[in-house]
N, C-alpha and C. Protein backbone atom coordinates (compact mmCIF):
# COMPACT_ATOMS: atom_id res chain seq x y z
N MET A 1 -7.43 -18.67 -7.70
CA MET A 1 -6.83 -17.95 -6.53
C MET A 1 -8.66 -16.80 -6.65
N THR A 2 -9.19 -17.53 -5.55
CA THR A 2 -10.41 -16.36 -5.50
C THR A 2 -9.83 -14.77 -5.11
N LEU A 3 -10.60 -13.68 -5.29
CA LEU A 3 -10.46 -12.73 -4.68
C LEU A 3 -10.27 -12.45 -3.09
N ASN A 4 -9.36 -12.20 -2.89
CA ASN A 4 -9.64 -12.22 -0.96
C ASN A 4 -10.35 -10.18 -0.92
N ASN A 5 -11.64 -10.74 -0.14
CA ASN A 5 -12.23 -9.20 0.15
C ASN A 5 -11.85 -8.28 0.86
N ASP A 6 -11.26 -8.80 1.94
CA ASP A 6 -10.81 -8.23 3.45
C ASP A 6 -10.47 -6.74 2.96
N LYS A 7 -11.66 -5.92 3.22
CA LYS A 7 -10.92 -4.16 3.08
C LYS A 7 -9.32 -4.43 4.23
N LEU A 8 -8.80 -3.50 3.78
CA LEU A 8 -7.57 -3.62 3.80
C LEU A 8 -6.62 -2.58 3.48
N ILE A 9 -5.69 -1.81 4.58
CA ILE A 9 -4.61 -0.61 3.84
C ILE A 9 -3.81 -1.48 4.53
N LEU A 10 -2.62 -1.28 3.04
CA LEU A 10 -1.19 -2.44 3.13
C LEU A 10 -0.30 -0.80 3.18
N ILE A 11 1.04 -0.92 3.63
CA ILE A 11 1.44 0.46 3.82
C ILE A 11 3.00 -0.49 3.61
N TYR A 12 3.79 0.17 3.03
CA TYR A 12 5.12 -0.18 2.67
C TYR A 12 5.92 1.33 2.72
N GLY A 13 7.64 1.06 3.25
CA GLY A 13 8.39 1.71 3.79
C GLY A 13 8.17 2.92 4.67
N PHE A 14 7.64 2.77 5.70
CA PHE A 14 7.63 3.46 6.69
C PHE A 14 8.58 2.92 7.94
N ASN A 15 9.00 3.93 8.39
CA ASN A 15 9.76 3.51 9.48
C ASN A 15 9.35 3.28 10.61
N GLN A 16 9.16 2.47 11.94
CA GLN A 16 8.89 2.10 13.28
C GLN A 16 7.91 2.79 13.65
N GLU A 17 8.26 4.41 14.02
CA GLU A 17 7.59 5.33 14.42
C GLU A 17 6.38 5.61 13.64
N GLU A 18 6.30 5.43 12.45
CA GLU A 18 5.78 6.04 11.72
C GLU A 18 4.34 5.03 11.42
N ILE A 19 5.04 3.99 11.59
CA ILE A 19 3.65 2.76 11.41
C ILE A 19 3.39 3.15 12.53
N VAL A 20 3.58 3.60 13.97
CA VAL A 20 2.97 3.27 15.15
C VAL A 20 1.80 4.05 14.96
N ASN A 21 2.29 5.90 14.33
CA ASN A 21 1.55 6.68 13.81
C ASN A 21 0.53 6.17 13.00
N ILE A 22 0.53 5.52 12.03
CA ILE A 22 -0.39 5.02 11.29
C ILE A 22 -1.59 4.46 11.93
N GLY A 23 -1.07 3.55 13.03
CA GLY A 23 -1.72 2.60 14.01
C GLY A 23 -2.89 3.43 14.74
N GLU A 24 -1.85 4.49 15.40
CA GLU A 24 -3.02 5.49 16.04
C GLU A 24 -3.98 6.13 15.06
N LEU A 25 -3.50 6.55 14.26
CA LEU A 25 -4.57 7.14 13.10
C LEU A 25 -5.85 6.15 12.40
N VAL A 26 -5.38 4.96 12.28
CA VAL A 26 -6.41 3.64 11.85
C VAL A 26 -7.16 3.80 13.06
N LEU A 27 -6.66 3.61 14.38
CA LEU A 27 -7.48 3.61 15.76
C LEU A 27 -8.33 4.44 15.73
N SER A 28 -7.94 5.60 15.50
CA SER A 28 -8.75 6.93 16.61
C SER A 28 -9.35 7.28 15.54
N ASN A 29 -9.59 7.12 14.30
CA ASN A 29 -10.21 7.57 12.93
C ASN A 29 -11.33 6.35 12.84
N LYS A 30 -11.37 5.21 13.13
CA LYS A 30 -11.89 3.80 13.12
C LYS A 30 -11.48 3.64 11.75
N LEU A 31 -10.65 3.53 10.83
CA LEU A 31 -10.81 2.95 9.79
C LEU A 31 -10.57 1.41 9.71
N VAL A 32 -10.51 1.01 8.37
CA VAL A 32 -10.41 -0.42 8.15
C VAL A 32 -8.77 -1.09 8.84
N LYS A 33 -8.69 -1.81 9.13
CA LYS A 33 -7.10 -2.14 9.49
C LYS A 33 -5.89 -2.44 8.32
N PHE A 34 -4.91 -2.27 9.11
CA PHE A 34 -3.78 -2.34 7.86
C PHE A 34 -2.59 -3.80 8.06
N LYS A 35 -1.62 -2.99 7.19
CA LYS A 35 -0.75 -4.69 7.20
C LYS A 35 0.05 -3.89 6.62
N VAL A 36 1.73 -3.94 7.31
CA VAL A 36 2.43 -3.62 7.20
C VAL A 36 3.50 -4.49 6.02
N ILE A 37 3.63 -3.99 4.88
CA ILE A 37 4.73 -4.72 3.93
C ILE A 37 6.47 -4.69 3.99
N ASP A 38 7.01 -5.92 3.89
CA ASP A 38 8.16 -5.57 4.57
C ASP A 38 8.84 -6.14 3.51
N LYS A 39 9.99 -5.22 3.23
CA LYS A 39 11.41 -5.57 1.97
C LYS A 39 11.32 -7.27 1.55
N HIS A 40 10.95 -8.10 2.18
CA HIS A 40 11.28 -9.54 2.15
C HIS A 40 9.96 -10.20 1.21
N MET A 41 8.95 -9.20 1.02
CA MET A 41 7.38 -9.74 0.93
C MET A 41 7.52 -8.92 -1.28
N GLY A 42 8.55 -8.62 -1.73
CA GLY A 42 8.63 -8.10 -2.67
C GLY A 42 8.47 -9.37 -4.04
N LYS A 43 8.62 -10.59 -3.71
CA LYS A 43 8.25 -11.11 -4.92
C LYS A 43 6.85 -11.63 -4.23
N MET A 44 6.33 -11.82 -3.68
CA MET A 44 5.13 -12.18 -3.39
C MET A 44 3.91 -11.37 -4.56
N LYS A 45 3.13 -12.01 -4.29
CA LYS A 45 1.76 -11.45 -5.00
C LYS A 45 1.25 -10.47 -4.17
N ILE A 46 0.31 -9.72 -4.40
CA ILE A 46 -0.42 -8.59 -3.45
C ILE A 46 -1.67 -9.85 -3.14
N GLU A 47 -2.02 -10.66 -3.96
CA GLU A 47 -3.28 -11.51 -3.23
C GLU A 47 -2.48 -11.74 -1.70
N SER A 48 -1.55 -12.51 -2.30
CA SER A 48 -1.15 -13.21 -0.83
C SER A 48 -1.15 -12.66 0.04
N ILE A 49 -0.51 -11.56 0.27
CA ILE A 49 0.14 -10.61 1.28
C ILE A 49 -1.04 -9.83 1.39
N ILE A 50 -2.41 -9.82 0.75
CA ILE A 50 -3.57 -9.67 1.55
C ILE A 50 -4.27 -10.58 2.42
N GLN A 51 -4.21 -11.81 1.86
CA GLN A 51 -4.33 -12.95 2.73
C GLN A 51 -3.52 -13.47 3.92
N GLY A 52 -2.64 -12.63 3.82
CA GLY A 52 -1.76 -12.99 4.88
C GLY A 52 -0.78 -14.38 4.95
N LEU A 53 -0.60 -14.39 4.25
CA LEU A 53 0.95 -15.36 3.56
C LEU A 53 1.92 -15.22 3.80
N ILE A 54 2.75 -15.68 4.87
CA ILE A 54 4.00 -15.63 4.95
C ILE A 54 5.16 -16.24 4.06
N LEU A 55 5.48 -16.05 3.22
CA LEU A 55 6.38 -16.91 2.48
C LEU A 55 7.60 -16.30 2.77
N PRO A 56 8.95 -17.25 2.87
CA PRO A 56 10.22 -16.97 3.03
C PRO A 56 10.79 -16.79 1.19
N VAL A 57 10.88 -15.79 1.00
CA VAL A 57 11.15 -15.60 -0.46
C VAL A 57 12.22 -13.98 -0.20
N ALA A 58 13.27 -14.29 -1.41
CA ALA A 58 13.97 -13.63 -1.67
C ALA A 58 13.92 -12.19 -1.23
N ASP A 59 14.75 -11.41 -0.67
CA ASP A 59 14.05 -9.91 -0.79
C ASP A 59 13.65 -9.34 -2.06
N GLY A 60 13.17 -8.64 -2.19
CA GLY A 60 12.26 -7.78 -3.56
C GLY A 60 13.35 -6.34 -3.81
N THR A 61 12.85 -5.52 -4.28
CA THR A 61 13.51 -4.42 -4.19
C THR A 61 13.53 -3.30 -3.18
N VAL A 62 14.59 -2.94 -2.45
CA VAL A 62 14.26 -2.42 -1.54
C VAL A 62 14.29 -0.98 -1.67
N SER A 63 12.95 -0.38 -1.99
CA SER A 63 13.07 1.12 -2.59
C SER A 63 12.88 1.75 -1.75
N ASN A 64 12.88 2.92 -1.47
CA ASN A 64 12.58 4.13 -0.24
C ASN A 64 11.30 4.99 -0.80
N GLU A 65 10.52 4.16 -1.66
CA GLU A 65 9.32 4.90 -1.65
C GLU A 65 8.61 4.37 -0.28
N LYS A 66 7.58 5.30 -0.15
CA LYS A 66 6.12 4.95 0.71
C LYS A 66 5.36 4.57 -0.39
N VAL A 67 4.29 3.61 0.39
CA VAL A 67 3.41 3.69 -0.45
C VAL A 67 2.27 3.13 0.18
N VAL A 68 1.03 3.60 0.25
CA VAL A 68 -0.26 3.12 0.77
C VAL A 68 -1.15 2.44 -0.26
N LEU A 69 -1.30 1.27 -0.03
CA LEU A 69 -2.38 0.71 -0.98
C LEU A 69 -3.74 0.40 -0.11
N PHE A 70 -4.85 0.73 -1.05
CA PHE A 70 -6.01 0.54 -0.73
C PHE A 70 -6.96 -0.98 -1.27
N ASN A 71 -7.00 -1.94 -0.40
CA ASN A 71 -7.91 -2.98 -0.76
C ASN A 71 -9.50 -3.10 -0.55
N ASN A 72 -9.93 -3.07 -1.37
CA ASN A 72 -11.52 -3.04 -1.50
C ASN A 72 -12.37 -2.04 -0.62
N LEU A 73 -12.01 -0.63 -0.34
CA LEU A 73 -12.68 0.14 0.91
C LEU A 73 -13.61 0.61 -0.39
N ASP A 74 -14.88 1.04 0.13
CA ASP A 74 -15.65 1.59 -0.71
C ASP A 74 -15.45 2.61 -0.70
N ASP A 75 -16.41 4.03 -1.47
CA ASP A 75 -15.76 5.27 -1.55
C ASP A 75 -16.17 5.98 -0.96
N GLU A 76 -16.43 6.00 -0.01
CA GLU A 76 -16.65 6.85 1.27
C GLU A 76 -15.59 6.17 2.17
N GLU A 77 -15.31 5.30 2.58
CA GLU A 77 -14.17 5.20 3.10
C GLU A 77 -12.87 5.48 2.83
N LEU A 78 -12.40 5.34 1.40
CA LEU A 78 -11.44 5.72 0.61
C LEU A 78 -11.30 6.93 0.60
N GLU A 79 -11.89 7.49 0.15
CA GLU A 79 -12.20 9.46 0.25
C GLU A 79 -11.39 9.87 1.97
N LYS A 80 -12.66 8.98 3.01
CA LYS A 80 -12.49 9.68 4.41
C LYS A 80 -10.62 9.08 4.95
N THR A 81 -9.80 8.12 4.21
CA THR A 81 -8.81 7.64 4.52
C THR A 81 -7.56 8.26 3.91
N ILE A 82 -8.10 8.38 2.76
CA ILE A 82 -6.77 8.80 1.71
C ILE A 82 -6.75 10.59 2.42
N LYS A 83 -8.01 11.17 2.96
CA LYS A 83 -7.60 12.67 3.31
C LYS A 83 -7.22 13.03 4.70
N ILE A 84 -6.91 11.62 5.60
CA ILE A 84 -6.79 11.72 6.92
C ILE A 84 -5.56 11.17 6.67
N PHE A 85 -5.12 10.06 5.90
CA PHE A 85 -3.68 10.38 5.62
C PHE A 85 -2.52 11.13 5.00
N ARG A 86 -3.43 11.98 3.83
CA ARG A 86 -2.44 12.84 3.18
C ARG A 86 -1.84 14.03 4.26
N ASN A 87 -2.75 13.89 5.36
CA ASN A 87 -2.41 14.99 6.39
C ASN A 87 -1.32 14.76 7.09
N SER A 88 -0.97 13.51 6.79
CA SER A 88 -0.70 12.44 8.15
C SER A 88 1.31 12.38 7.41
N VAL A 89 1.11 11.58 6.74
CA VAL A 89 2.46 10.84 5.92
C VAL A 89 3.33 12.06 4.86
N ASP A 90 4.26 11.92 4.65
CA ASP A 90 4.87 12.28 3.58
C ASP A 90 4.60 12.41 2.22
N ARG A 91 4.69 13.75 1.74
CA ARG A 91 4.10 13.98 1.01
C ARG A 91 4.29 13.44 -0.69
N LYS A 92 5.52 12.99 -0.47
CA LYS A 92 5.79 12.21 -1.40
C LYS A 92 5.10 10.63 -1.91
N THR A 93 4.59 9.94 -0.58
CA THR A 93 3.57 8.98 -0.34
C THR A 93 2.98 8.99 -1.49
N ILE A 94 3.15 7.48 -2.35
CA ILE A 94 2.19 7.28 -3.46
C ILE A 94 1.16 6.17 -2.65
N PHE A 95 -0.02 6.68 -3.34
CA PHE A 95 -1.71 6.38 -2.68
C PHE A 95 -2.32 5.50 -4.06
N ALA A 96 -2.25 3.90 -4.01
CA ALA A 96 -2.86 3.45 -4.84
C ALA A 96 -4.07 2.38 -4.75
N VAL A 97 -5.50 1.69 -5.26
CA VAL A 97 -5.95 0.96 -4.85
C VAL A 97 -5.91 0.04 -5.58
N VAL A 98 -5.84 -1.23 -5.25
CA VAL A 98 -5.62 -2.78 -5.92
C VAL A 98 -6.93 -2.75 -6.61
N THR A 99 -6.31 -3.25 -7.89
CA THR A 99 -7.17 -3.72 -8.82
C THR A 99 -7.68 -4.85 -9.02
N PRO A 100 -8.48 -5.77 -9.79
CA PRO A 100 -8.39 -6.74 -10.21
C PRO A 100 -7.29 -7.29 -11.05
N THR A 101 -6.63 -6.44 -11.47
CA THR A 101 -5.32 -6.45 -12.15
C THR A 101 -3.80 -6.77 -11.32
N SER A 102 -4.23 -5.44 -10.79
CA SER A 102 -2.95 -5.56 -9.59
C SER A 102 -2.71 -6.63 -8.55
N ILE A 103 -3.97 -7.15 -8.53
CA ILE A 103 -3.37 -7.81 -6.91
C ILE A 103 -2.93 -9.42 -7.62
N ASN A 104 -3.17 -9.37 -9.28
CA ASN A 104 -2.64 -10.42 -9.29
C ASN A 104 -0.48 -10.29 -9.81
N TRP A 105 -0.10 -9.14 -9.35
CA TRP A 105 1.31 -8.52 -9.50
C TRP A 105 1.99 -9.03 -8.41
N THR A 106 3.16 -9.26 -8.69
CA THR A 106 4.14 -9.14 -7.36
C THR A 106 4.22 -7.54 -6.60
N PHE A 107 4.55 -8.13 -5.37
CA PHE A 107 4.08 -6.12 -4.77
C PHE A 107 5.28 -5.36 -5.45
N ASP A 108 6.82 -5.94 -5.67
CA ASP A 108 7.48 -5.33 -6.61
C ASP A 108 7.38 -4.39 -7.85
N ASP A 109 6.54 -5.85 -8.36
CA ASP A 109 6.24 -4.86 -10.10
C ASP A 109 5.37 -3.93 -9.67
N LEU A 110 4.56 -4.18 -8.96
CA LEU A 110 3.28 -3.35 -8.39
C LEU A 110 4.58 -1.50 -8.05
N LEU A 111 5.17 -1.52 -7.31
CA LEU A 111 5.84 -0.82 -6.82
C LEU A 111 6.70 -0.04 -8.26
N GLU A 112 7.09 -0.70 -9.00
CA GLU A 112 7.77 -0.53 -9.80
C GLU A 112 6.78 0.46 -10.83
N HIS A 113 5.85 0.00 -11.02
CA HIS A 113 4.64 0.32 -11.88
C HIS A 113 3.89 1.94 -11.46
N LEU A 114 4.02 1.71 -9.73
CA LEU A 114 3.45 2.86 -9.79
C LEU A 114 4.39 3.90 -9.65
N ALA A 115 6.04 4.00 -9.46
CA ALA A 115 6.99 5.05 -9.76
C ALA A 115 6.95 5.65 -10.77
N GLU A 116 6.66 4.42 -12.04
CA GLU A 116 6.90 4.92 -13.42
C GLU A 116 5.57 6.00 -13.28
N GLU A 117 4.40 5.43 -12.96
CA GLU A 117 2.79 6.60 -13.56
C GLU A 117 3.36 7.67 -12.37
N ARG A 118 3.96 7.80 -11.48
CA ARG A 118 4.10 8.87 -10.66
C ARG A 118 5.33 9.69 -11.57
N LYS A 119 6.39 9.55 -12.37
CA LYS A 119 7.14 9.89 -13.02
C LYS A 119 6.88 10.76 -13.98
N TRP A 120 6.01 9.78 -15.15
CA TRP A 120 5.47 10.54 -16.02
C TRP A 120 4.17 11.21 -15.77
N ALA A 121 3.53 11.35 -14.37
CA ALA A 121 3.01 12.16 -14.26
C ALA A 121 3.58 13.82 -13.58
N GLU A 122 4.61 13.71 -13.13
CA GLU A 122 5.91 14.32 -12.72
C GLU A 122 6.31 15.43 -14.29
N ARG A 123 6.60 14.54 -15.36
CA ARG A 123 7.09 15.36 -16.46
C ARG A 123 6.02 16.10 -17.04
N ARG A 124 4.65 15.47 -16.86
CA ARG A 124 3.38 15.96 -17.79
C ARG A 124 3.04 17.44 -17.08
N LYS A 125 3.49 17.58 -15.48
CA LYS A 125 2.85 18.74 -14.79
C LYS A 125 4.21 19.68 -15.05
N LYS A 126 5.15 19.40 -15.68
CA LYS A 126 6.61 20.68 -15.99
C LYS A 126 6.05 21.14 -17.56
């Protein structure tokens, strides 16, 4: 498979009201388009989600984490988008960039990895 280079924000774990607010944020700030990852996409590869494939797969991890993933934004777009989102979403939201490695992972695996990274970082702060 080739890397899909669509500029895209992927969001997970937000309720309907938060998703509407994110949609308004994206529109009013002229940010790149966004896509919602739902709990039925846990076993899908990030690349498939970005490409817009809808695969009927078993539920993955139903985590209560909130995640915002950025695919292929340039540094300026990324900085602007993170700043806007940080002021508008839950403080515990995990922000991450899709990498050439993580694009081949399932969403569940990536979510587990990001949660572990956050735990490690929090332990280091103490």
